Amino acid sequence: MPELEQSVDTLSSVSQETSASAEEMLAESDCQLRKIENTNNIGLQLHGLSKSLSMTTQRFKVN
């Protein structure tokens, strides 16, 4: 019986560690997703500024 209890304790410990690792991975994934969304928003802003600059420079072109 002590061997069975030790095996159960070991499996329980491994399970808890796996769960903790999964929670850490989920938290890191959420953080990475927020950074990607932020980068995308910055890219969209840059694209808008680029279009605005292009339209502005078109007015000053000499034909």
PDB file of N, CA and C in Angstrom:
ATOM      1  N   MET A   1       0.805  -1.202   0.000  1.00  0.00           N
ATOM      2  CA  MET A   1       0.000   0.000   0.000  1.00  0.00           C
ATOM      3  C   MET A   1       0.857   1.279   0.000  1.00  0.00           C
ATOM      4  N   PRO A   2       1.958   1.319   0.738  1.00  0.00           N
ATOM      5  CA  PRO A   2       2.774   2.533   0.704  1.00  0.00           C
ATOM      6  C   PRO A   2       3.287   2.876  -0.702  1.00  0.00           C
ATOM      7  N   GLU A   3       3.577   1.833  -1.505  1.00  0.00           N
ATOM      8  CA  GLU A   3       4.034   2.091  -2.866  1.00  0.00           C
ATOM      9  C   GLU A   3       2.929   2.755  -3.686  1.00  0.00           C
ATOM     10  N   LEU A   4       1.703   2.305  -3.483  1.00  0.00           N
ATOM     11  CA  LEU A   4       0.569   2.876  -4.196  1.00  0.00           C
ATOM     12  C   LEU A   4       0.374   4.330  -3.794  1.00  0.00           C
ATOM     13  N   GLU A   5       0.478   4.606  -2.511  1.00  0.00           N
ATOM     14  CA  GLU A   5       0.337   5.983  -2.029  1.00  0.00           C
ATOM     15  C   GLU A   5       1.443   6.867  -2.606  1.00  0.00           C
ATOM     16  N   GLN A   6       2.643   6.344  -2.665  1.00  0.00           N
ATOM     17  CA  GLN A   6       3.761   7.108  -3.211  1.00  0.00           C
ATOM     18  C   GLN A   6       3.533   7.373  -4.700  1.00  0.00           C
ATOM     19  N   SER A   7       3.041   6.381  -5.410  1.00  0.00           N
ATOM     20  CA  SER A   7       2.759   6.545  -6.841  1.00  0.00           C
ATOM     21  C   SER A   7       1.674   7.594  -7.061  1.00  0.00           C
ATOM     22  N   VAL A   8       0.645   7.542  -6.230  1.00  0.00           N
ATOM     23  CA  VAL A   8      -0.441   8.519  -6.334  1.00  0.00           C
ATOM     24  C   VAL A   8       0.081   9.915  -6.023  1.00  0.00           C
ATOM     25  N   ASP A   9       0.896  10.040  -4.997  1.00  0.00           N
ATOM     26  CA  ASP A   9       1.484  11.332  -4.655  1.00  0.00           C
ATOM     27  C   ASP A   9       2.344  11.861  -5.796  1.00  0.00           C
ATOM     28  N   THR A  10       3.132  10.986  -6.403  1.00  0.00           N
ATOM     29  CA  THR A  10       3.986  11.393  -7.519  1.00  0.00           C
ATOM     30  C   THR A  10       3.146  11.855  -8.700  1.00  0.00           C
ATOM     31  N   LEU A  11       2.128  11.086  -9.039  1.00  0.00           N
ATOM     32  CA  LEU A  11       1.250  11.471 -10.149  1.00  0.00           C
ATOM     33  C   LEU A  11       0.531  12.780  -9.857  1.00  0.00           C
ATOM     34  N   SER A  12       0.110  12.954  -8.622  1.00  0.00           N
ATOM     35  CA  SER A  12      -0.559  14.190  -8.234  1.00  0.00           C
ATOM     36  C   SER A  12       0.387  15.383  -8.364  1.00  0.00           C
ATOM     37  N   SER A  13       1.626  15.197  -7.943  1.00  0.00           N
ATOM     38  CA  SER A  13       2.619  16.260  -8.040  1.00  0.00           C
ATOM     39  C   SER A  13       2.891  16.629  -9.498  1.00  0.00           C
ATOM     40  N   VAL A  14       3.048  15.614 -10.337  1.00  0.00           N
ATOM     41  CA  VAL A  14       3.284  15.853 -11.768  1.00  0.00           C
ATOM     42  C   VAL A  14       2.086  16.579 -12.380  1.00  0.00           C
ATOM     43  N   SER A  15       0.901  16.165 -11.995  1.00  0.00           N
ATOM     44  CA  SER A  15      -0.311  16.794 -12.513  1.00  0.00           C
ATOM     45  C   SER A  15      -0.382  18.265 -12.119  1.00  0.00           C
ATOM     46  N   GLN A  16      -0.036  18.571 -10.882  1.00  0.00           N
ATOM     47  CA  GLN A  16      -0.050  19.958 -10.418  1.00  0.00           C
ATOM     48  C   GLN A  16       0.992  20.799 -11.151  1.00  0.00           C
ATOM     49  N   GLU A  17       2.162  20.223 -11.373  1.00  0.00           N
ATOM     50  CA  GLU A  17       3.204  20.940 -12.099  1.00  0.00           C
ATOM     51  C   GLU A  17       2.787  21.193 -13.545  1.00  0.00           C
ATOM     52  N   THR A  18       2.155  20.193 -14.147  1.00  0.00           N
ATOM     53  CA  THR A  18       1.677  20.343 -15.520  1.00  0.00           C
ATOM     54  C   THR A  18       0.615  21.431 -15.603  1.00  0.00           C
ATOM     55  N   SER A  19      -0.274  21.446 -14.639  1.00  0.00           N
ATOM     56  CA  SER A  19      -1.322  22.467 -14.601  1.00  0.00           C
ATOM     57  C   SER A  19      -0.719  23.861 -14.436  1.00  0.00           C
ATOM     58  N   ALA A  20       0.256  23.987 -13.559  1.00  0.00           N
ATOM     59  CA  ALA A  20       0.913  25.281 -13.352  1.00  0.00           C
ATOM     60  C   ALA A  20       1.622  25.734 -14.627  1.00  0.00           C
ATOM     61  N   SER A  21       2.275  24.803 -15.299  1.00  0.00           N
ATOM     62  CA  SER A  21       2.963  25.139 -16.548  1.00  0.00           C
ATOM     63  C   SER A  21       1.961  25.589 -17.607  1.00  0.00           C
ATOM     64  N   ALA A  22       0.836  24.899 -17.679  1.00  0.00           N
ATOM     65  CA  ALA A  22      -0.196  25.266 -18.652  1.00  0.00           C
ATOM     66  C   ALA A  22      -0.741  26.661 -18.367  1.00  0.00           C
ATOM     67  N   GLU A  23      -0.925  26.981 -17.091  1.00  0.00           N
ATOM     68  CA  GLU A  23      -1.410  28.313 -16.721  1.00  0.00           C
ATOM     69  C   GLU A  23      -0.385  29.381 -17.090  1.00  0.00           C
ATOM     70  N   GLU A  24       0.900  29.100 -16.886  1.00  0.00           N
ATOM     71  CA  GLU A  24       1.945  30.042 -17.269  1.00  0.00           C
ATOM     72  C   GLU A  24       1.966  30.245 -18.782  1.00  0.00           C
ATOM     73  N   MET A  25       1.825  29.157 -19.521  1.00  0.00           N
ATOM     74  CA  MET A  25       1.812  29.255 -20.978  1.00  0.00           C
ATOM     75  C   MET A  25       0.616  30.073 -21.458  1.00  0.00           C
ATOM     76  N   LEU A  26      -0.529  29.889 -20.827  1.00  0.00           N
ATOM     77  CA  LEU A  26      -1.717  30.658 -21.194  1.00  0.00           C
ATOM     78  C   LEU A  26      -1.514  32.141 -20.913  1.00  0.00           C
ATOM     79  N   ALA A  27      -0.938  32.463 -19.773  1.00  0.00           N
ATOM     80  CA  ALA A  27      -0.678  33.861 -19.433  1.00  0.00           C
ATOM     81  C   ALA A  27       0.299  34.488 -20.428  1.00  0.00           C
ATOM     82  N   GLU A  28       1.353  33.764 -20.788  1.00  0.00           N
ATOM     83  CA  GLU A  28       2.322  34.268 -21.767  1.00  0.00           C
ATOM     84  C   GLU A  28       1.677  34.427 -23.140  1.00  0.00           C
ATOM     85  N   SER A  29       0.803  33.499 -23.487  1.00  0.00           N
ATOM     86  CA  SER A  29       0.105  33.577 -24.772  1.00  0.00           C
ATOM     87  C   SER A  29      -0.788  34.815 -24.817  1.00  0.00           C
ATOM     88  N   ASP A  30      -1.494  35.083 -23.738  1.00  0.00           N
ATOM     89  CA  ASP A  30      -2.340  36.285 -23.669  1.00  0.00           C
ATOM     90  C   ASP A  30      -1.498  37.546 -23.807  1.00  0.00           C
ATOM     91  N   CYS A  31      -0.353  37.562 -23.144  1.00  0.00           N
ATOM     92  CA  CYS A  31       0.548  38.717 -23.215  1.00  0.00           C
ATOM     93  C   CYS A  31       1.045  38.907 -24.646  1.00  0.00           C
ATOM     94  N   GLN A  32       1.433  37.816 -25.286  1.00  0.00           N
ATOM     95  CA  GLN A  32       1.928  37.893 -26.655  1.00  0.00           C
ATOM     96  C   GLN A  32       0.822  38.367 -27.599  1.00  0.00           C
ATOM     97  N   LEU A  33      -0.403  37.900 -27.389  1.00  0.00           N
ATOM     98  CA  LEU A  33      -1.519  38.328 -28.223  1.00  0.00           C
ATOM     99  C   LEU A  33      -1.755  39.831 -28.092  1.00  0.00           C
ATOM    100  N   ARG A  34      -1.681  40.362 -26.874  1.00  0.00           N
ATOM    101  CA  ARG A  34      -1.848  41.809 -26.671  1.00  0.00           C
ATOM    102  C   ARG A  34      -0.755  42.586 -27.393  1.00  0.00           C
ATOM    103  N   LYS A  35       0.481  42.078 -27.361  1.00  0.00           N
ATOM    104  CA  LYS A  35       1.578  42.744 -28.054  1.00  0.00           C
ATOM    105  C   LYS A  35       1.378  42.711 -29.565  1.00  0.00           C
ATOM    106  N   ILE A  36       0.892  41.587 -30.080  1.00  0.00           N
ATOM    107  CA  ILE A  36       0.630  41.482 -31.519  1.00  0.00           C
ATOM    108  C   ILE A  36      -0.475  42.445 -31.932  1.00  0.00           C
ATOM    109  N   GLU A  37      -1.526  42.526 -31.129  1.00  0.00           N
ATOM    110  CA  GLU A  37      -2.622  43.452 -31.429  1.00  0.00           C
ATOM    111  C   GLU A  37      -2.120  44.891 -31.400  1.00  0.00           C
ATOM    112  N   ASN A  38      -1.270  45.219 -30.446  1.00  0.00           N
ATOM    113  CA  ASN A  38      -0.712  46.560 -30.354  1.00  0.00           C
ATOM    114  C   ASN A  38       0.155  46.865 -31.577  1.00  0.00           C
ATOM    115  N   THR A  39       0.974  45.906 -31.986  1.00  0.00           N
ATOM    116  CA  THR A  39       1.816  46.078 -33.161  1.00  0.00           C
ATOM    117  C   THR A  39       0.954  46.273 -34.402  1.00  0.00           C
ATOM    118  N   ASN A  40      -0.133  45.515 -34.502  1.00  0.00           N
ATOM    119  CA  ASN A  40      -1.043  45.669 -35.635  1.00  0.00           C
ATOM    120  C   ASN A  40      -1.655  47.069 -35.656  1.00  0.00           C
ATOM    121  N   ASN A  41      -2.071  47.564 -34.505  1.00  0.00           N
ATOM    122  CA  ASN A  41      -2.645  48.908 -34.434  1.00  0.00           C
ATOM    123  C   ASN A  41      -1.627  49.962 -34.843  1.00  0.00           C
ATOM    124  N   ILE A  42      -0.398  49.807 -34.417  1.00  0.00           N
ATOM    125  CA  ILE A  42       0.655  50.748 -34.816  1.00  0.00           C
ATOM    126  C   ILE A  42       0.853  50.688 -36.328  1.00  0.00           C
ATOM    127  N   GLY A  43       0.850  49.483 -36.889  1.00  0.00           N
ATOM    128  CA  GLY A  43       0.985  49.330 -38.335  1.00  0.00           C
ATOM    129  C   GLY A  43      -0.141  50.017 -39.095  1.00  0.00           C
ATOM    130  N   LEU A  44      -1.371  49.879 -38.579  1.00  0.00           N
ATOM    131  CA  LEU A  44      -2.508  50.543 -39.221  1.00  0.00           C
ATOM    132  C   LEU A  44      -2.365  52.063 -39.153  1.00  0.00           C
ATOM    133  N   GLN A  45      -1.872  52.573 -38.029  1.00  0.00           N
ATOM    134  CA  GLN A  45      -1.652  54.015 -37.902  1.00  0.00           C
ATOM    135  C   GLN A  45      -0.583  54.489 -38.886  1.00  0.00           C
ATOM    136  N   LEU A  46       0.496  53.720 -38.993  1.00  0.00           N
ATOM    137  CA  LEU A  46       1.552  54.073 -39.926  1.00  0.00           C
ATOM    138  C   LEU A  46       1.046  54.051 -41.364  1.00  0.00           C
ATOM    139  N   HIS A  47       0.216  53.078 -41.683  1.00  0.00           N
ATOM    140  CA  HIS A  47      -0.348  52.994 -43.026  1.00  0.00           C
ATOM    141  C   HIS A  47      -1.193  54.237 -43.325  1.00  0.00           C
ATOM    142  N   GLY A  48      -2.010  54.640 -42.361  1.00  0.00           N
ATOM    143  CA  GLY A  48      -2.833  55.841 -42.525  1.00  0.00           C
ATOM    144  C   GLY A  48      -1.981  57.086 -42.703  1.00  0.00           C
ATOM    145  N   LEU A  49      -0.930  57.198 -41.919  1.00  0.00           N
ATOM    146  CA  LEU A  49      -0.031  58.356 -42.046  1.00  0.00           C
ATOM    147  C   LEU A  49       0.667  58.357 -43.401  1.00  0.00           C
ATOM    148  N   SER A  50       1.045  57.191 -43.862  1.00  0.00           N
ATOM    149  CA  SER A  50       1.701  57.074 -45.159  1.00  0.00           C
ATOM    150  C   SER A  50       0.772  57.526 -46.281  1.00  0.00           C
ATOM    151  N   LYS A  51      -0.480  57.110 -46.220  1.00  0.00           N
ATOM    152  CA  LYS A  51      -1.444  57.530 -47.237  1.00  0.00           C
ATOM    153  C   LYS A  51      -1.657  59.038 -47.189  1.00  0.00           C
ATOM    154  N   SER A  52      -1.743  59.578 -45.990  1.00  0.00           N
ATOM    155  CA  SER A  52      -1.926  61.022 -45.833  1.00  0.00           C
ATOM    156  C   SER A  52      -0.728  61.784 -46.386  1.00  0.00           C
ATOM    157  N   LEU A  53       0.472  61.307 -46.090  1.00  0.00           N
ATOM    158  CA  LEU A  53       1.682  61.944 -46.595  1.00  0.00           C
ATOM    159  C   LEU A  53       1.739  61.874 -48.116  1.00  0.00           C
ATOM    160  N   SER A  54       1.347  60.733 -48.663  1.00  0.00           N
ATOM    161  CA  SER A  54       1.337  60.573 -50.115  1.00  0.00           C
ATOM    162  C   SER A  54       0.377  61.559 -50.769  1.00  0.00           C
ATOM    163  N   MET A  55      -0.804  61.710 -50.193  1.00  0.00           N
ATOM    164  CA  MET A  55      -1.787  62.657 -50.741  1.00  0.00           C
ATOM    165  C   MET A  55      -1.273  64.090 -50.637  1.00  0.00           C
ATOM    166  N   THR A  56      -0.617  64.410 -49.533  1.00  0.00           N
ATOM    167  CA  THR A  56      -0.081  65.754 -49.347  1.00  0.00           C
ATOM    168  C   THR A  56       1.028  66.042 -50.349  1.00  0.00           C
ATOM    169  N   THR A  57       1.918  65.093 -50.570  1.00  0.00           N
ATOM    170  CA  THR A  57       3.027  65.319 -51.507  1.00  0.00           C
ATOM    171  C   THR A  57       2.523  65.395 -52.945  1.00  0.00           C
ATOM    172  N   GLN A  58       1.416  64.728 -53.252  1.00  0.00           N
ATOM    173  CA  GLN A  58       0.846  64.808 -54.607  1.00  0.00           C
ATOM    174  C   GLN A  58       0.473  66.247 -54.962  1.00  0.00           C
ATOM    175  N   ARG A  59       0.055  67.018 -53.989  1.00  0.00           N
ATOM    176  CA  ARG A  59      -0.338  68.410 -54.236  1.00  0.00           C
ATOM    177  C   ARG A  59       0.843  69.289 -54.593  1.00  0.00           C
ATOM    178  N   PHE A  60       2.050  68.854 -54.207  1.00  0.00           N
ATOM    179  CA  PHE A  60       3.243  69.672 -54.448  1.00  0.00           C
ATOM    180  C   PHE A  60       4.076  69.179 -55.626  1.00  0.00           C
ATOM    181  N   LYS A  61       3.582  68.188 -56.334  1.00  0.00           N
ATOM    182  CA  LYS A  61       4.327  67.679 -57.488  1.00  0.00           C
ATOM    183  C   LYS A  61       4.292  68.712 -58.603  1.00  0.00           C
ATOM    184  N   VAL A  62       5.421  68.858 -59.273  1.00  0.00           N
ATOM    185  CA  VAL A  62       5.530  69.772 -60.411  1.00  0.00           C
ATOM    186  C   VAL A  62       5.373  68.937 -61.673  1.00  0.00           C
ATOM    187  N   ASN A  63       4.434  69.350 -62.509  1.00  0.00           N
ATOM    188  CA  ASN A  63       4.217  68.629 -63.786  1.00  0.00           C
ATOM    189  C   ASN A  63       4.995  69.261 -64.897  1.00  0.00           C
TER     190      ASN A  63
END
